[in-house]
Amino acid sequence: MTAFRPCIDLHQGQVKQIVGGSLTDDGADTNFVSQYDATYYAELYRQHNLTGGHVIALGPNNQQQVLNALAAYPNGLQFGGGVNLENAASYLTAGASHIIVTSYLFDQSAFSWARLEAIKAEVGAEYLVLDLSCRKTNQGWMIATDRWQTITNTAVNAETISELENHCAEFLVHAADVEGLQGGIDKDLVKLLGESCTLPCTYAGGARSLQDLALVESLSNGAVDLTIGSALDIFGGTGVTIEQCINWNNRA
């Protein structure tokens, strides 16, 4: 069954919700800046047994907030954002259940199997989440790195997913073109993920209501989970409440 998965997005040391495709070195279009820190959200998720969520560091100056969140909910949150061979294991030691990698796996725009093998050897495939966050192009969905600004030559399709499934525990897929816009999910992408993934997979991008959980469940035959960000009341949204998401996860 499709589950709601929570998130903590950190930008410049604050919990924020941003428009995904707008993130650059100069800043980002921001939907919400929280008065609360990452620890507050981690403890909220822990109290309500919301599992499989992720903490994402969007750029620099987030390290202390990341460590605080992981300490507040040990083994309850995945971490991504600048993860590489040198630091991956340290985040597991700090309390992350898994580490999430994208940009490290690419040498410029080319996927590096050598880098995947190296980080897999360092932390173990069972602790590795591959982030297939992507942007839509004329060639289909292509993995986007460097805060979703660099479009690589690796497509998100059934062949890529099949090749990667033996090397990780889960997939995380942000649809960068609709991330933060609350304009609806990318239905075709969700359907593709549902048809192609045999491992756990979380989709993020565009969700705006509780009905999107039901829609993702229908499109993916329950194989894909959903992260809701900007539409959620705890992030200033009006589309859905955290209580509704908790109840969704607790349904019989």
Protein backbone atom coordinates (compact mmCIF):
# COMPACT_ATOMS: atom_id res chain seq x y z
CA MET A 1 0.00 0.00 0.00
CA THR A 2 1.12 3.52 -0.71
CA ALA A 3 2.32 5.33 2.42
CA PHE A 4 2.90 8.98 3.24
CA ARG A 5 6.57 9.66 3.88
CA PRO A 6 7.64 12.86 5.66
CA CYS A 7 10.47 15.21 4.78
CA ILE A 8 12.70 17.89 6.24
CA ASP A 9 14.19 20.16 3.58
CA LEU A 10 17.01 22.38 4.81
CA HIS A 11 18.26 25.48 3.01
CA GLN A 12 20.76 27.91 4.55
CA GLY A 13 20.27 26.37 7.99
CA GLN A 14 16.48 26.66 8.02
CA VAL A 15 13.61 24.28 7.36
CA LYS A 16 12.05 25.47 4.11
CA GLN A 17 9.82 24.46 1.26
CA ILE A 18 11.17 25.69 -2.05
CA VAL A 19 10.27 25.48 -5.71
CA GLY A 20 12.60 22.68 -6.73
CA GLY A 21 13.63 23.86 -10.17
CA SER A 22 14.54 27.33 -8.88
CA LEU A 23 17.45 26.30 -6.63
CA THR A 24 20.75 27.91 -7.63
CA ASP A 25 23.88 29.27 -5.96
CA ASP A 26 22.07 32.59 -5.57
CA GLY A 27 19.09 31.18 -3.68
CA ALA A 28 15.67 29.76 -4.48
CA ASP A 29 12.01 30.65 -4.83
CA THR A 30 10.65 29.86 -1.38
CA ASN A 31 7.14 28.79 -0.43
CA PHE A 32 7.71 28.55 3.32
CA VAL A 33 10.31 29.21 6.00
CA SER A 34 9.60 27.50 9.31
CA GLN A 35 9.87 29.08 12.72
CA TYR A 36 10.89 25.63 13.97
CA ASP A 37 14.17 23.82 13.52
CA ALA A 38 14.87 20.37 12.11
CA THR A 39 14.77 18.78 15.56
CA TYR A 40 11.14 19.84 16.00
CA TYR A 41 10.08 18.03 12.83
CA ALA A 42 12.19 14.95 13.54
CA GLU A 43 10.62 14.60 16.96
CA LEU A 44 7.14 15.10 15.49
CA TYR A 45 7.72 12.31 13.00
CA ARG A 46 9.17 10.04 15.68
CA GLN A 47 6.22 10.60 18.02
CA HIS A 48 3.79 9.58 15.29
CA ASN A 49 5.87 6.68 13.99
CA LEU A 50 6.23 8.20 10.54
CA THR A 51 8.97 6.12 8.99
CA GLY A 52 11.02 6.24 5.81
CA GLY A 53 11.19 10.02 5.65
CA HIS A 54 14.18 12.00 4.46
CA VAL A 55 16.28 14.96 5.49
CA ILE A 56 17.70 16.82 2.50
CA ALA A 57 20.41 19.46 2.77
CA LEU A 58 20.01 21.87 -0.11
CA GLY A 59 23.41 23.48 -0.32
CA PRO A 60 25.81 24.54 2.48
CA ASN A 61 25.32 25.71 6.09
CA ASN A 62 22.93 22.90 7.07
CA GLN A 63 25.26 20.45 8.79
CA GLN A 64 24.30 21.13 12.40
CA GLN A 65 20.59 21.00 11.65
CA VAL A 66 21.10 17.68 9.86
CA LEU A 67 22.97 16.16 12.80
CA ASN A 68 20.35 17.43 15.26
CA ALA A 69 17.53 15.88 13.26
CA LEU A 70 19.27 12.52 12.94
CA ALA A 71 19.98 12.49 16.68
CA ALA A 72 16.35 13.29 17.47
CA TYR A 73 15.04 10.35 15.44
CA PRO A 74 17.77 7.68 15.31
CA ASN A 75 17.35 5.29 12.39
CA GLY A 76 14.10 7.01 11.50
CA LEU A 77 15.25 9.34 8.72
CA GLN A 78 17.26 9.00 5.54
CA PHE A 79 19.78 11.70 4.68
CA GLY A 80 20.77 13.20 1.37
CA GLY A 81 22.59 16.29 0.16
CA GLY A 82 26.28 16.33 -0.68
CA VAL A 83 26.78 12.69 0.26
CA ASN A 84 29.98 11.20 -1.13
CA LEU A 85 32.43 8.38 -0.47
CA GLU A 86 34.25 10.33 2.25
CA ASN A 87 31.26 11.31 4.39
CA ALA A 88 28.59 8.67 3.71
CA ALA A 89 29.41 6.40 6.63
CA SER A 90 29.50 9.31 9.07
CA TYR A 91 25.81 10.04 8.51
CA LEU A 92 24.90 6.44 9.29
CA THR A 93 26.93 6.74 12.49
CA ALA A 94 25.07 9.99 13.27
CA GLY A 95 21.73 8.19 13.12
CA ALA A 96 20.55 8.10 9.51
CA SER A 97 18.74 4.91 8.55
CA HIS A 98 20.02 5.24 4.96
CA ILE A 99 22.09 7.64 2.93
CA ILE A 100 20.75 9.13 -0.30
CA VAL A 101 23.08 9.78 -3.22
CA THR A 102 22.73 11.45 -6.61
CA SER A 103 25.40 13.90 -7.74
CA TYR A 104 28.32 11.81 -6.43
CA LEU A 105 27.36 9.03 -8.84
CA PHE A 106 28.01 11.21 -11.88
CA ASP A 107 31.26 12.30 -13.49
CA GLN A 108 30.01 15.46 -15.14
CA SER A 109 26.90 14.15 -16.95
CA ALA A 110 27.94 10.51 -17.19
CA PHE A 111 26.84 7.89 -14.67
CA SER A 112 29.82 6.30 -12.92
CA TRP A 113 29.46 2.62 -12.08
CA ALA A 114 32.84 2.79 -10.36
CA ARG A 115 31.56 5.43 -7.94
CA LEU A 116 28.41 3.42 -7.25
CA GLU A 117 30.49 0.32 -6.49
CA ALA A 118 32.78 2.33 -4.22
CA ILE A 119 30.05 3.87 -2.09
CA LYS A 120 28.15 0.59 -2.01
CA ALA A 121 31.27 -1.12 -0.67
CA GLU A 122 31.66 1.64 1.93
CA VAL A 123 28.15 1.58 3.42
CA GLY A 124 26.43 -1.51 2.02
CA ALA A 125 23.64 -1.66 -0.55
CA GLU A 126 21.13 -2.20 2.25
CA TYR A 127 21.79 1.36 3.49
CA LEU A 128 21.87 3.03 0.09
CA VAL A 129 19.02 5.02 -1.46
CA LEU A 130 19.55 6.08 -5.05
CA ASP A 131 18.00 9.43 -5.86
CA LEU A 132 16.68 9.37 -9.41
CA SER A 133 15.31 12.90 -9.26
CA CYS A 134 14.69 14.05 -12.78
CA ARG A 135 13.48 16.63 -15.26
CA LYS A 136 11.33 16.03 -18.31
CA THR A 137 13.04 16.49 -21.68
CA ASN A 138 12.34 15.58 -25.27
CA GLN A 139 14.17 12.31 -24.56
CA GLY A 140 12.00 11.53 -21.53
CA TRP A 141 12.80 11.91 -17.84
CA MET A 142 16.53 12.47 -17.31
CA ILE A 143 18.28 12.36 -13.93
CA ALA A 144 19.17 15.88 -12.76
CA THR A 145 22.08 16.58 -10.42
CA ASP A 146 23.67 19.61 -8.73
CA ARG A 147 20.45 20.82 -7.11
CA TRP A 148 18.49 19.68 -10.19
CA GLN A 149 20.27 22.19 -12.45
CA THR A 150 22.41 19.75 -14.44
CA ILE A 151 20.53 17.35 -16.68
CA THR A 152 22.54 14.16 -17.16
CA ASN A 153 22.45 11.67 -20.00
CA THR A 154 20.89 8.95 -17.82
CA ALA A 155 17.20 8.34 -18.36
CA VAL A 156 14.72 7.32 -15.69
CA ASN A 157 13.12 4.34 -17.37
CA ALA A 158 12.49 0.65 -16.80
CA GLU A 159 15.96 -0.32 -18.07
CA THR A 160 17.82 2.06 -15.75
CA ILE A 161 15.74 1.05 -12.75
CA SER A 162 16.31 -2.65 -13.46
CA GLU A 163 20.07 -2.11 -13.73
CA LEU A 164 20.25 -0.21 -10.45
CA GLU A 165 17.98 -2.34 -8.29
CA ASN A 166 20.74 -4.81 -7.43
CA HIS A 167 22.85 -2.00 -5.96
CA CYS A 168 20.58 -0.26 -3.45
CA ALA A 169 17.76 -0.62 -0.94
CA GLU A 170 15.36 2.04 -2.23
CA PHE A 171 14.77 4.78 -4.76
CA LEU A 172 13.79 8.40 -4.16
CA VAL A 173 12.46 10.35 -7.12
CA HIS A 174 11.76 14.08 -7.06
CA ALA A 175 9.97 15.35 -10.14
CA ALA A 176 11.96 18.58 -10.18
CA ASP A 177 9.76 20.32 -12.74
CA VAL A 178 6.71 20.19 -10.45
CA GLU A 179 8.45 20.16 -7.05
CA GLY A 180 7.00 22.83 -4.75
CA LEU A 181 4.38 24.05 -7.21
CA GLN A 182 1.38 22.19 -5.70
CA GLY A 183 0.08 21.79 -9.23
CA GLY A 184 -0.43 18.05 -9.10
CA ILE A 185 1.84 15.04 -9.35
CA ASP A 186 3.50 13.81 -12.53
CA LYS A 187 1.07 10.97 -13.17
CA ASP A 188 3.03 9.38 -15.99
CA LEU A 189 6.21 9.28 -13.93
CA VAL A 190 4.41 7.72 -10.97
CA LYS A 191 2.91 5.09 -13.26
CA LEU A 192 6.34 4.31 -14.73
CA LEU A 193 7.83 3.91 -11.24
CA GLY A 194 4.98 1.64 -10.20
CA GLU A 195 5.47 -0.56 -13.23
CA SER A 196 9.27 -0.68 -13.01
CA CYS A 197 10.28 -0.72 -9.33
CA THR A 198 10.39 -3.89 -7.28
CA LEU A 199 12.24 -2.12 -4.45
CA PRO A 200 10.60 0.50 -2.20
CA CYS A 201 10.27 3.80 -4.04
CA THR A 202 9.24 7.26 -2.87
CA TYR A 203 7.95 9.91 -5.26
CA ALA A 204 7.96 13.63 -4.44
CA GLY A 205 6.71 16.60 -6.42
CA GLY A 206 3.48 18.48 -6.91
CA ALA A 207 1.30 16.74 -4.32
CA ARG A 208 -1.46 19.05 -3.12
CA SER A 209 -4.09 17.04 -1.26
CA LEU A 210 -4.92 13.81 0.54
CA GLN A 211 -6.43 12.60 -2.72
CA ASP A 212 -2.94 12.50 -4.20
CA LEU A 213 -2.08 9.63 -1.86
CA ALA A 214 -5.00 7.68 -3.28
CA LEU A 215 -4.01 8.67 -6.80
CA VAL A 216 -0.42 7.50 -6.36
CA GLU A 217 -1.69 4.25 -4.88
CA SER A 218 -3.97 3.71 -7.86
CA LEU A 219 -1.41 4.66 -10.52
CA SER A 220 1.37 2.57 -8.99
CA ASN A 221 -0.73 -0.33 -7.70
CA GLY A 222 0.48 0.58 -4.22
CA ALA A 223 4.15 0.18 -5.14
CA VAL A 224 5.16 3.85 -4.73
CA ASP A 225 5.06 5.98 -1.58
CA LEU A 226 4.45 9.73 -1.59
CA THR A 227 6.13 12.69 0.06
CA ILE A 228 3.98 15.80 0.51
CA GLY A 229 5.76 19.07 1.23
CA SER A 230 4.46 22.54 0.46
CA ALA A 231 0.77 21.56 0.62
CA LEU A 232 1.13 20.22 4.18
CA ASP A 233 -0.16 22.30 7.08
CA ILE A 234 3.07 21.94 9.09
CA PHE A 235 4.82 23.67 6.18
CA GLY A 236 2.28 26.45 5.81
CA GLY A 237 0.10 24.63 3.31
CA THR A 238 -3.68 24.36 3.21
CA GLY A 239 -4.11 21.27 1.04
CA VAL A 240 -3.68 18.51 3.62
CA THR A 241 -2.92 18.14 7.33
CA ILE A 242 -0.29 16.01 8.97
CA GLU A 243 -3.10 14.38 10.95
CA GLN A 244 -4.77 13.24 7.73
CA CYS A 245 -1.48 11.76 6.53
CA ILE A 246 -0.95 9.95 9.83
CA ASN A 247 -4.46 8.54 9.63
CA TRP A 248 -3.83 7.44 6.05
CA ASN A 249 -0.77 5.47 7.15
CA ASN A 250 -2.66 3.94 10.08
CA ARG A 251 -5.64 2.73 8.04
CA ALA A 252 -6.38 -0.96 8.29
